[in-house]
Each structure stands twice: as structure tokens, then as C-alpha cells.
Full PDB file with SEQRES, HELIX, SHEET, SSBOND, CRYST1, ORIGX, SCALE, CONECT and MASTER records, all heavy atoms in Angstrom:
SEQRES   1 A   36  GLU LYS GLN LEU MET ALA ALA LYS LEU LEU SER PHE MET          
SEQRES   2 A   36  PRO ALA LEU HIS LYS LEU ALA PRO LYS ILE PHE ARG VAL          
SEQRES   3 A   36  VAL PHE SER LEU LEU ASP ARG LEU LEU GLY                      
HELIX    1 AA1 LYS A    2  LEU A   10  1                                   9    
HELIX    2 AA2 LEU A   16  LYS A   18  5                                   3    
HELIX    3 AA3 PRO A   21  LEU A   35  1                                  15    
CRYST1    1.000    1.000    1.000  90.00  90.00  90.00 P 1           1          
ORIGX1      1.000000  0.000000  0.000000        0.00000                         
ORIGX2      0.000000  1.000000  0.000000        0.00000                         
ORIGX3      0.000000  0.000000  1.000000        0.00000                         
SCALE1      1.000000  0.000000  0.000000        0.00000                         
SCALE2      0.000000  1.000000  0.000000        0.00000                         
SCALE3      0.000000  0.000000  1.000000        0.00000                         
ATOM      1  N   GLU A   1      12.497 -12.586   0.355  1.00  0.00           N  
ATOM      2  CA  GLU A   1      13.091 -11.303   0.587  1.00  0.00           C  
ATOM      3  C   GLU A   1      12.490 -10.168  -0.079  1.00  0.00           C  
ATOM      4  O   GLU A   1      12.170  -9.065   0.465  1.00  0.00           O  
ATOM      5  CB  GLU A   1      14.525 -11.515   0.033  1.00  0.00           C  
ATOM      6  CG  GLU A   1      15.388 -10.136   0.136  1.00  0.00           C  
ATOM      7  CD  GLU A   1      16.823 -10.380  -0.522  1.00  0.00           C  
ATOM      8  OE1 GLU A   1      17.051 -11.419  -1.025  1.00  0.00           O  
ATOM      9  OE2 GLU A   1      17.586  -9.349  -0.443  1.00  0.00           O  
ATOM     10  N   LYS A   2      12.064 -10.328  -1.340  1.00  0.00           N  
ATOM     11  CA  LYS A   2      11.470  -9.251  -2.180  1.00  0.00           C  
ATOM     12  C   LYS A   2       9.982  -8.945  -1.762  1.00  0.00           C  
ATOM     13  O   LYS A   2       9.556  -7.807  -1.756  1.00  0.00           O  
ATOM     14  CB  LYS A   2      11.466  -9.617  -3.660  1.00  0.00           C  
ATOM     15  CG  LYS A   2      12.873  -9.642  -4.285  1.00  0.00           C  
ATOM     16  CD  LYS A   2      13.523  -8.421  -4.206  1.00  0.00           C  
ATOM     17  CE  LYS A   2      15.022  -8.450  -4.721  1.00  0.00           C  
ATOM     18  NZ  LYS A   2      15.124  -8.792  -6.041  1.00  0.00           N  
ATOM     19  N   GLN A   3       9.234  -9.950  -1.270  1.00  0.00           N  
ATOM     20  CA  GLN A   3       7.976  -9.756  -0.626  1.00  0.00           C  
ATOM     21  C   GLN A   3       8.128  -8.893   0.615  1.00  0.00           C  
ATOM     22  O   GLN A   3       7.227  -7.866   0.896  1.00  0.00           O  
ATOM     23  CB  GLN A   3       7.215 -10.963  -0.386  1.00  0.00           C  
ATOM     24  CG  GLN A   3       6.805 -11.738  -1.693  1.00  0.00           C  
ATOM     25  CD  GLN A   3       6.181 -13.047  -1.354  1.00  0.00           C  
ATOM     26  OE1 GLN A   3       5.025 -13.134  -0.746  1.00  0.00           O  
ATOM     27  NE2 GLN A   3       6.905 -14.137  -1.763  1.00  0.00           N  
ATOM     28  N   LEU A   4       9.089  -9.278   1.448  1.00  0.00           N  
ATOM     29  CA  LEU A   4       9.418  -8.493   2.689  1.00  0.00           C  
ATOM     30  C   LEU A   4       9.752  -7.085   2.351  1.00  0.00           C  
ATOM     31  O   LEU A   4       9.285  -6.126   3.027  1.00  0.00           O  
ATOM     32  CB  LEU A   4      10.617  -9.182   3.437  1.00  0.00           C  
ATOM     33  CG  LEU A   4      10.944  -8.578   4.794  1.00  0.00           C  
ATOM     34  CD1 LEU A   4       9.813  -8.512   5.706  1.00  0.00           C  
ATOM     35  CD2 LEU A   4      12.074  -9.254   5.338  1.00  0.00           C  
ATOM     36  N   MET A   5      10.507  -6.848   1.231  1.00  0.00           N  
ATOM     37  CA  MET A   5      10.878  -5.549   0.857  1.00  0.00           C  
ATOM     38  C   MET A   5       9.647  -4.714   0.530  1.00  0.00           C  
ATOM     39  O   MET A   5       9.481  -3.488   0.865  1.00  0.00           O  
ATOM     40  CB  MET A   5      11.832  -5.511  -0.301  1.00  0.00           C  
ATOM     41  CG  MET A   5      12.234  -4.197  -0.748  1.00  0.00           C  
ATOM     42  SD  MET A   5      13.163  -4.324  -2.373  1.00  0.00           S  
ATOM     43  CE  MET A   5      14.537  -5.498  -1.990  1.00  0.00           C  
ATOM     44  N   ALA A   6       8.695  -5.317  -0.176  1.00  0.00           N  
ATOM     45  CA  ALA A   6       7.487  -4.592  -0.626  1.00  0.00           C  
ATOM     46  C   ALA A   6       6.581  -4.243   0.570  1.00  0.00           C  
ATOM     47  O   ALA A   6       6.135  -3.142   0.700  1.00  0.00           O  
ATOM     48  CB  ALA A   6       6.688  -5.554  -1.528  1.00  0.00           C  
ATOM     49  N   ALA A   7       6.528  -5.196   1.539  1.00  0.00           N  
ATOM     50  CA  ALA A   7       5.759  -4.951   2.797  1.00  0.00           C  
ATOM     51  C   ALA A   7       6.460  -3.820   3.598  1.00  0.00           C  
ATOM     52  O   ALA A   7       5.729  -2.890   4.057  1.00  0.00           O  
ATOM     53  CB  ALA A   7       5.704  -6.182   3.664  1.00  0.00           C  
ATOM     54  N   LYS A   8       7.787  -3.792   3.612  1.00  0.00           N  
ATOM     55  CA  LYS A   8       8.474  -2.732   4.355  1.00  0.00           C  
ATOM     56  C   LYS A   8       8.310  -1.355   3.693  1.00  0.00           C  
ATOM     57  O   LYS A   8       8.137  -0.281   4.369  1.00  0.00           O  
ATOM     58  CB  LYS A   8       9.951  -3.065   4.592  1.00  0.00           C  
ATOM     59  CG  LYS A   8      10.019  -4.200   5.571  1.00  0.00           C  
ATOM     60  CD  LYS A   8      11.552  -4.419   6.014  1.00  0.00           C  
ATOM     61  CE  LYS A   8      11.650  -5.329   7.150  1.00  0.00           C  
ATOM     62  NZ  LYS A   8      13.083  -5.667   7.449  1.00  0.00           N  
ATOM     63  N   LEU A   9       8.228  -1.365   2.250  1.00  0.00           N  
ATOM     64  CA  LEU A   9       8.023  -0.086   1.561  1.00  0.00           C  
ATOM     65  C   LEU A   9       6.649   0.459   2.020  1.00  0.00           C  
ATOM     66  O   LEU A   9       6.431   1.673   2.075  1.00  0.00           O  
ATOM     67  CB  LEU A   9       8.110  -0.341   0.133  1.00  0.00           C  
ATOM     68  CG  LEU A   9       9.418  -0.512  -0.571  1.00  0.00           C  
ATOM     69  CD1 LEU A   9       9.313  -0.980  -2.044  1.00  0.00           C  
ATOM     70  CD2 LEU A   9      10.212   0.828  -0.392  1.00  0.00           C  
ATOM     71  N   LEU A  10       5.633  -0.408   2.165  1.00  0.00           N  
ATOM     72  CA  LEU A  10       4.397   0.074   2.461  1.00  0.00           C  
ATOM     73  C   LEU A  10       4.331   0.612   3.945  1.00  0.00           C  
ATOM     74  O   LEU A  10       3.435   1.480   4.217  1.00  0.00           O  
ATOM     75  CB  LEU A  10       3.324  -1.010   2.414  1.00  0.00           C  
ATOM     76  CG  LEU A  10       2.908  -1.528   0.966  1.00  0.00           C  
ATOM     77  CD1 LEU A  10       2.107  -2.847   1.076  1.00  0.00           C  
ATOM     78  CD2 LEU A  10       2.225  -0.499   0.279  1.00  0.00           C  
ATOM     79  N   SER A  11       5.241   0.214   4.781  1.00  0.00           N  
ATOM     80  CA  SER A  11       5.269   0.724   6.110  1.00  0.00           C  
ATOM     81  C   SER A  11       5.702   2.137   6.249  1.00  0.00           C  
ATOM     82  O   SER A  11       5.403   2.789   7.297  1.00  0.00           O  
ATOM     83  CB  SER A  11       6.218  -0.104   6.971  1.00  0.00           C  
ATOM     84  OG  SER A  11       7.470   0.071   6.596  1.00  0.00           O  
ATOM     85  N   PHE A  12       6.235   2.733   5.186  1.00  0.00           N  
ATOM     86  CA  PHE A  12       6.653   4.016   5.132  1.00  0.00           C  
ATOM     87  C   PHE A  12       5.529   5.031   4.798  1.00  0.00           C  
ATOM     88  O   PHE A  12       5.526   6.159   4.947  1.00  0.00           O  
ATOM     89  CB  PHE A  12       7.775   4.343   4.091  1.00  0.00           C  
ATOM     90  CG  PHE A  12       9.094   3.748   4.527  1.00  0.00           C  
ATOM     91  CD1 PHE A  12       9.613   2.659   3.900  1.00  0.00           C  
ATOM     92  CD2 PHE A  12       9.856   4.303   5.528  1.00  0.00           C  
ATOM     93  CE1 PHE A  12      10.868   2.145   4.250  1.00  0.00           C  
ATOM     94  CE2 PHE A  12      11.029   3.894   5.915  1.00  0.00           C  
ATOM     95  CZ  PHE A  12      11.618   2.683   5.314  1.00  0.00           C  
ATOM     96  N   MET A  13       4.357   4.353   4.343  1.00  0.00           N  
ATOM     97  CA  MET A  13       3.222   5.123   4.079  1.00  0.00           C  
ATOM     98  C   MET A  13       2.369   5.282   5.475  1.00  0.00           C  
ATOM     99  O   MET A  13       2.666   4.616   6.417  1.00  0.00           O  
ATOM    100  CB  MET A  13       2.235   4.405   3.083  1.00  0.00           C  
ATOM    101  CG  MET A  13       2.930   4.169   1.792  1.00  0.00           C  
ATOM    102  SD  MET A  13       1.839   3.183   0.724  1.00  0.00           S  
ATOM    103  CE  MET A  13       0.375   4.168   0.580  1.00  0.00           C  
ATOM    104  N   PRO A  14       1.481   6.280   5.455  1.00  0.00           N  
ATOM    105  CA  PRO A  14       0.610   6.348   6.611  1.00  0.00           C  
ATOM    106  C   PRO A  14      -0.079   4.992   6.817  1.00  0.00           C  
ATOM    107  O   PRO A  14      -0.435   4.269   5.919  1.00  0.00           O  
ATOM    108  CB  PRO A  14      -0.433   7.427   6.280  1.00  0.00           C  
ATOM    109  CG  PRO A  14       0.187   8.149   5.190  1.00  0.00           C  
ATOM    110  CD  PRO A  14       1.130   7.309   4.466  1.00  0.00           C  
ATOM    111  N   ALA A  15      -0.323   4.694   8.181  1.00  0.00           N  
ATOM    112  CA  ALA A  15      -0.980   3.330   8.485  1.00  0.00           C  
ATOM    113  C   ALA A  15      -2.222   3.070   7.746  1.00  0.00           C  
ATOM    114  O   ALA A  15      -3.154   3.895   7.761  1.00  0.00           O  
ATOM    115  CB  ALA A  15      -1.256   3.341  10.019  1.00  0.00           C  
ATOM    116  N   LEU A  16      -2.190   2.060   6.889  1.00  0.00           N  
ATOM    117  CA  LEU A  16      -3.242   1.732   6.015  1.00  0.00           C  
ATOM    118  C   LEU A  16      -4.629   1.589   6.743  1.00  0.00           C  
ATOM    119  O   LEU A  16      -5.669   2.041   6.303  1.00  0.00           O  
ATOM    120  CB  LEU A  16      -3.005   0.528   5.264  1.00  0.00           C  
ATOM    121  CG  LEU A  16      -1.905   0.696   4.180  1.00  0.00           C  
ATOM    122  CD1 LEU A  16      -1.573  -0.724   3.605  1.00  0.00           C  
ATOM    123  CD2 LEU A  16      -2.100   1.692   3.231  1.00  0.00           C  
ATOM    124  N   HIS A  17      -4.541   1.037   7.973  1.00  0.00           N  
ATOM    125  CA  HIS A  17      -5.749   0.808   8.744  1.00  0.00           C  
ATOM    126  C   HIS A  17      -6.333   2.095   9.415  1.00  0.00           C  
ATOM    127  O   HIS A  17      -7.388   2.104   9.939  1.00  0.00           O  
ATOM    128  CB  HIS A  17      -5.501  -0.192   9.769  1.00  0.00           C  
ATOM    129  CG  HIS A  17      -4.618   0.119  10.917  1.00  0.00           C  
ATOM    130  ND1 HIS A  17      -3.208   0.022  10.684  1.00  0.00           N  
ATOM    131  CD2 HIS A  17      -4.698   0.658  12.157  1.00  0.00           C  
ATOM    132  CE1 HIS A  17      -2.627   0.507  11.781  1.00  0.00           C  
ATOM    133  NE2 HIS A  17      -3.518   0.895  12.645  1.00  0.00           N  
ATOM    134  N   LYS A  18      -5.712   3.244   9.097  1.00  0.00           N  
ATOM    135  CA  LYS A  18      -6.225   4.527   9.572  1.00  0.00           C  
ATOM    136  C   LYS A  18      -6.732   5.342   8.401  1.00  0.00           C  
ATOM    137  O   LYS A  18      -7.246   6.429   8.589  1.00  0.00           O  
ATOM    138  CB  LYS A  18      -5.113   5.258  10.360  1.00  0.00           C  
ATOM    139  CG  LYS A  18      -4.689   4.582  11.625  1.00  0.00           C  
ATOM    140  CD  LYS A  18      -3.672   5.290  12.412  1.00  0.00           C  
ATOM    141  CE  LYS A  18      -3.304   4.627  13.735  1.00  0.00           C  
ATOM    142  NZ  LYS A  18      -2.275   5.381  14.498  1.00  0.00           N  
ATOM    143  N   LEU A  19      -6.609   4.826   7.133  1.00  0.00           N  
ATOM    144  CA  LEU A  19      -7.072   5.571   6.007  1.00  0.00           C  
ATOM    145  C   LEU A  19      -8.600   5.488   5.887  1.00  0.00           C  
ATOM    146  O   LEU A  19      -9.244   4.390   6.183  1.00  0.00           O  
ATOM    147  CB  LEU A  19      -6.501   5.073   4.731  1.00  0.00           C  
ATOM    148  CG  LEU A  19      -5.002   5.274   4.509  1.00  0.00           C  
ATOM    149  CD1 LEU A  19      -4.576   4.591   3.181  1.00  0.00           C  
ATOM    150  CD2 LEU A  19      -4.632   6.748   4.473  1.00  0.00           C  
ATOM    151  N   ALA A  20      -9.269   6.501   5.436  1.00  0.00           N  
ATOM    152  CA  ALA A  20     -10.599   6.466   4.961  1.00  0.00           C  
ATOM    153  C   ALA A  20     -10.850   5.476   3.825  1.00  0.00           C  
ATOM    154  O   ALA A  20      -9.986   5.422   3.015  1.00  0.00           O  
ATOM    155  CB  ALA A  20     -11.112   7.818   4.671  1.00  0.00           C  
ATOM    156  N   PRO A  21     -11.861   4.668   3.864  1.00  0.00           N  
ATOM    157  CA  PRO A  21     -12.001   3.705   2.846  1.00  0.00           C  
ATOM    158  C   PRO A  21     -11.819   4.222   1.420  1.00  0.00           C  
ATOM    159  O   PRO A  21     -11.239   3.557   0.586  1.00  0.00           O  
ATOM    160  CB  PRO A  21     -13.371   3.050   3.118  1.00  0.00           C  
ATOM    161  CG  PRO A  21     -13.531   3.261   4.545  1.00  0.00           C  
ATOM    162  CD  PRO A  21     -12.948   4.546   4.950  1.00  0.00           C  
ATOM    163  N   LYS A  22     -12.500   5.383   1.134  1.00  0.00           N  
ATOM    164  CA  LYS A  22     -12.421   5.869  -0.199  1.00  0.00           C  
ATOM    165  C   LYS A  22     -11.021   6.276  -0.653  1.00  0.00           C  
ATOM    166  O   LYS A  22     -10.639   5.979  -1.828  1.00  0.00           O  
ATOM    167  CB  LYS A  22     -13.277   7.108  -0.262  1.00  0.00           C  
ATOM    168  CG  LYS A  22     -14.741   6.894  -0.251  1.00  0.00           C  
ATOM    169  CD  LYS A  22     -15.591   8.137  -0.432  1.00  0.00           C  
ATOM    170  CE  LYS A  22     -17.065   7.818  -0.446  1.00  0.00           C  
ATOM    171  NZ  LYS A  22     -17.934   9.003  -0.592  1.00  0.00           N  
ATOM    172  N   ILE A  23     -10.085   6.603   0.297  1.00  0.00           N  
ATOM    173  CA  ILE A  23      -8.752   6.967  -0.121  1.00  0.00           C  
ATOM    174  C   ILE A  23      -7.993   5.539  -0.103  1.00  0.00           C  
ATOM    175  O   ILE A  23      -7.159   5.354  -1.060  1.00  0.00           O  
ATOM    176  CB  ILE A  23      -8.101   7.783   1.070  1.00  0.00           C  
ATOM    177  CG1 ILE A  23      -8.789   9.189   1.123  1.00  0.00           C  
ATOM    178  CG2 ILE A  23      -6.635   7.865   0.803  1.00  0.00           C  
ATOM    179  CD1 ILE A  23      -8.284  10.078   2.243  1.00  0.00           C  
ATOM    180  N   PHE A  24      -8.275   4.737   0.746  1.00  0.00           N  
ATOM    181  CA  PHE A  24      -7.627   3.323   0.660  1.00  0.00           C  
ATOM    182  C   PHE A  24      -7.887   2.642  -0.596  1.00  0.00           C  
ATOM    183  O   PHE A  24      -6.973   2.045  -1.174  1.00  0.00           O  
ATOM    184  CB  PHE A  24      -8.141   2.444   1.873  1.00  0.00           C  
ATOM    185  CG  PHE A  24      -7.291   1.371   2.300  1.00  0.00           C  
ATOM    186  CD1 PHE A  24      -7.521   0.695   3.501  1.00  0.00           C  
ATOM    187  CD2 PHE A  24      -6.291   0.810   1.326  1.00  0.00           C  
ATOM    188  CE1 PHE A  24      -6.697  -0.423   3.806  1.00  0.00           C  
ATOM    189  CE2 PHE A  24      -5.423  -0.255   1.783  1.00  0.00           C  
ATOM    190  CZ  PHE A  24      -5.725  -0.870   2.939  1.00  0.00           C  
ATOM    191  N   ARG A  25      -9.064   2.827  -1.238  1.00  0.00           N  
ATOM    192  CA  ARG A  25      -9.370   2.182  -2.426  1.00  0.00           C  
ATOM    193  C   ARG A  25      -8.472   2.639  -3.604  1.00  0.00           C  
ATOM    194  O   ARG A  25      -8.059   1.841  -4.489  1.00  0.00           O  
ATOM    195  CB  ARG A  25     -10.876   2.347  -2.826  1.00  0.00           C  
ATOM    196  CG  ARG A  25     -11.823   1.658  -1.880  1.00  0.00           C  
ATOM    197  CD  ARG A  25     -13.196   2.173  -1.939  1.00  0.00           C  
ATOM    198  NE  ARG A  25     -14.035   1.587  -0.896  1.00  0.00           N  
ATOM    199  CZ  ARG A  25     -15.273   2.112  -0.450  1.00  0.00           C  
ATOM    200  NH1 ARG A  25     -15.845   3.083  -1.205  1.00  0.00           N  
ATOM    201  NH2 ARG A  25     -15.831   1.505   0.526  1.00  0.00           N  
ATOM    202  N   VAL A  26      -8.252   3.855  -3.570  1.00  0.00           N  
ATOM    203  CA  VAL A  26      -7.345   4.512  -4.588  1.00  0.00           C  
ATOM    204  C   VAL A  26      -5.922   3.998  -4.458  1.00  0.00           C  
ATOM    205  O   VAL A  26      -5.216   3.600  -5.396  1.00  0.00           O  
ATOM    206  CB  VAL A  26      -7.360   6.003  -4.568  1.00  0.00           C  
ATOM    207  CG1 VAL A  26      -6.370   6.618  -5.511  1.00  0.00           C  
ATOM    208  CG2 VAL A  26      -8.792   6.548  -4.897  1.00  0.00           C  
ATOM    209  N   VAL A  27      -5.472   3.928  -3.181  1.00  0.00           N  
ATOM    210  CA  VAL A  27      -4.132   3.474  -2.853  1.00  0.00           C  
ATOM    211  C   VAL A  27      -3.965   2.039  -3.299  1.00  0.00           C  
ATOM    212  O   VAL A  27      -2.951   1.601  -3.839  1.00  0.00           O  
ATOM    213  CB  VAL A  27      -3.790   3.626  -1.326  1.00  0.00           C  
ATOM    214  CG1 VAL A  27      -2.527   2.945  -1.041  1.00  0.00           C  
ATOM    215  CG2 VAL A  27      -3.628   5.065  -0.984  1.00  0.00           C  
ATOM    216  N   PHE A  28      -4.879   1.201  -2.984  1.00  0.00           N  
ATOM    217  CA  PHE A  28      -4.902  -0.243  -3.278  1.00  0.00           C  
ATOM    218  C   PHE A  28      -4.818  -0.523  -4.846  1.00  0.00           C  
ATOM    219  O   PHE A  28      -3.968  -1.222  -5.321  1.00  0.00           O  
ATOM    220  CB  PHE A  28      -6.129  -0.876  -2.797  1.00  0.00           C  
ATOM    221  CG  PHE A  28      -6.187  -2.428  -2.873  1.00  0.00           C  
ATOM    222  CD1 PHE A  28      -5.222  -3.172  -2.377  1.00  0.00           C  
ATOM    223  CD2 PHE A  28      -7.155  -3.006  -3.746  1.00  0.00           C  
ATOM    224  CE1 PHE A  28      -5.228  -4.578  -2.462  1.00  0.00           C  
ATOM    225  CE2 PHE A  28      -7.208  -4.360  -3.824  1.00  0.00           C  
ATOM    226  CZ  PHE A  28      -6.323  -5.120  -3.218  1.00  0.00           C  
ATOM    227  N   SER A  29      -5.598   0.254  -5.632  1.00  0.00           N  
ATOM    228  CA  SER A  29      -5.546   0.121  -7.033  1.00  0.00           C  
ATOM    229  C   SER A  29      -4.225   0.617  -7.561  1.00  0.00           C  
ATOM    230  O   SER A  29      -3.704   0.020  -8.514  1.00  0.00           O  
ATOM    231  CB  SER A  29      -6.669   0.893  -7.731  1.00  0.00           C  
ATOM    232  OG  SER A  29      -7.954   0.332  -7.378  1.00  0.00           O  
ATOM    233  N   LEU A  30      -3.699   1.686  -7.048  1.00  0.00           N  
ATOM    234  CA  LEU A  30      -2.370   2.192  -7.504  1.00  0.00           C  
ATOM    235  C   LEU A  30      -1.213   1.169  -7.210  1.00  0.00           C  
ATOM    236  O   LEU A  30      -0.329   1.070  -8.032  1.00  0.00           O  
ATOM    237  CB  LEU A  30      -2.082   3.509  -6.780  1.00  0.00           C  
ATOM    238  CG  LEU A  30      -2.728   4.751  -7.399  1.00  0.00           C  
ATOM    239  CD1 LEU A  30      -2.413   5.957  -6.543  1.00  0.00           C  
ATOM    240  CD2 LEU A  30      -2.336   5.014  -8.892  1.00  0.00           C  
ATOM    241  N   LEU A  31      -1.317   0.571  -5.992  1.00  0.00           N  
ATOM    242  CA  LEU A  31      -0.277  -0.497  -5.676  1.00  0.00           C  
ATOM    243  C   LEU A  31      -0.297  -1.617  -6.685  1.00  0.00           C  
ATOM    244  O   LEU A  31       0.790  -1.993  -7.221  1.00  0.00           O  
ATOM    245  CB  LEU A  31      -0.623  -1.033  -4.275  1.00  0.00           C  
ATOM    246  CG  LEU A  31       0.202  -2.259  -3.858  1.00  0.00           C  
ATOM    247  CD1 LEU A  31       1.628  -1.756  -3.529  1.00  0.00           C  
ATOM    248  CD2 LEU A  31      -0.354  -2.851  -2.568  1.00  0.00           C  
ATOM    249  N   ASP A  32      -1.416  -2.025  -7.048  1.00  0.00           N  
ATOM    250  CA  ASP A  32      -1.434  -3.056  -8.018  1.00  0.00           C  
ATOM    251  C   ASP A  32      -0.989  -2.629  -9.434  1.00  0.00           C  
ATOM    252  O   ASP A  32      -0.233  -3.428 -10.036  1.00  0.00           O  
ATOM    253  CB  ASP A  32      -2.907  -3.720  -8.148  1.00  0.00           C  
ATOM    254  CG  ASP A  32      -2.945  -4.909  -9.070  1.00  0.00           C  
ATOM    255  OD1 ASP A  32      -2.533  -6.016  -8.619  1.00  0.00           O  
ATOM    256  OD2 ASP A  32      -3.462  -4.703 -10.260  1.00  0.00           O  
ATOM    257  N   ARG A  33      -1.285  -1.476  -9.779  1.00  0.00           N  
ATOM    258  CA  ARG A  33      -0.890  -0.928 -11.037  1.00  0.00           C  
ATOM    259  C   ARG A  33       0.687  -0.756 -11.146  1.00  0.00           C  
ATOM    260  O   ARG A  33       1.271  -1.023 -12.153  1.00  0.00           O  
ATOM    261  CB  ARG A  33      -1.534   0.383 -11.321  1.00  0.00           C  
ATOM    262  CG  ARG A  33      -1.290   0.995 -12.634  1.00  0.00           C  
ATOM    263  CD  ARG A  33      -1.857   0.210 -13.821  1.00  0.00           C  
ATOM    264  NE  ARG A  33      -3.271   0.135 -13.707  1.00  0.00           N  
ATOM    265  CZ  ARG A  33      -4.190   0.856 -14.224  1.00  0.00           C  
ATOM    266  NH1 ARG A  33      -3.750   2.000 -14.959  1.00  0.00           N  
ATOM    267  NH2 ARG A  33      -5.393   0.667 -14.144  1.00  0.00           N  
ATOM    268  N   LEU A  34       1.303  -0.332 -10.083  1.00  0.00           N  
ATOM    269  CA  LEU A  34       2.679  -0.127  -9.996  1.00  0.00           C  
ATOM    270  C   LEU A  34       3.494  -1.334  -9.731  1.00  0.00           C  
ATOM    271  O   LEU A  34       4.578  -1.539 -10.387  1.00  0.00           O  
ATOM    272  CB  LEU A  34       3.036   0.859  -8.840  1.00  0.00           C  
ATOM    273  CG  LEU A  34       2.476   2.301  -9.030  1.00  0.00           C  
ATOM    274  CD1 LEU A  34       2.723   3.120  -7.753  1.00  0.00           C  
ATOM    275  CD2 LEU A  34       3.155   2.986 -10.155  1.00  0.00           C  
ATOM    276  N   LEU A  35       3.091  -2.243  -8.891  1.00  0.00           N  
ATOM    277  CA  LEU A  35       3.969  -3.434  -8.521  1.00  0.00           C  
ATOM    278  C   LEU A  35       3.321  -4.792  -8.981  1.00  0.00           C  
ATOM    279  O   LEU A  35       4.023  -5.700  -8.826  1.00  0.00           O  
ATOM    280  CB  LEU A  35       4.026  -3.457  -6.968  1.00  0.00           C  
ATOM    281  CG  LEU A  35       4.584  -2.182  -6.383  1.00  0.00           C  
ATOM    282  CD1 LEU A  35       4.749  -2.375  -4.777  1.00  0.00           C  
ATOM    283  CD2 LEU A  35       6.002  -1.841  -6.940  1.00  0.00           C  
ATOM    284  N   GLY A  36       2.095  -4.756  -9.585  1.00  0.00           N  
ATOM    285  CA  GLY A  36       1.558  -6.066  -9.848  1.00  0.00           C  
ATOM    286  C   GLY A  36       1.749  -6.475 -11.338  1.00  0.00           C  
ATOM    287  O   GLY A  36       2.752  -6.137 -11.980  1.00  0.00           O  
TER     288      GLY A  36                                                      
MASTER        0    0    0    3    0    0    0    6  287    1    0    3          
END                                                                             
């Protein structure tokens, strides 16, 4: 349940596969810092 919640939270963000890699790298690090 909680993993599904996390995935659905991400779905509210702009589509990750449409981000420029340099922006995606920042988002990825922030995600781990906030939720990891």
C-alpha cells in the first residue's frame, strides 16, 4: 500500500520520462533525500 502511495504521488509530477536528464538527476536525488 505505501509503495503504491509513493508511486501515485510521483504521478502528480510532470512525466519523468519527458524531463531533461539534468533536471531528472536533481529530482531523483531530492526524492531519495525526502523519502529514503
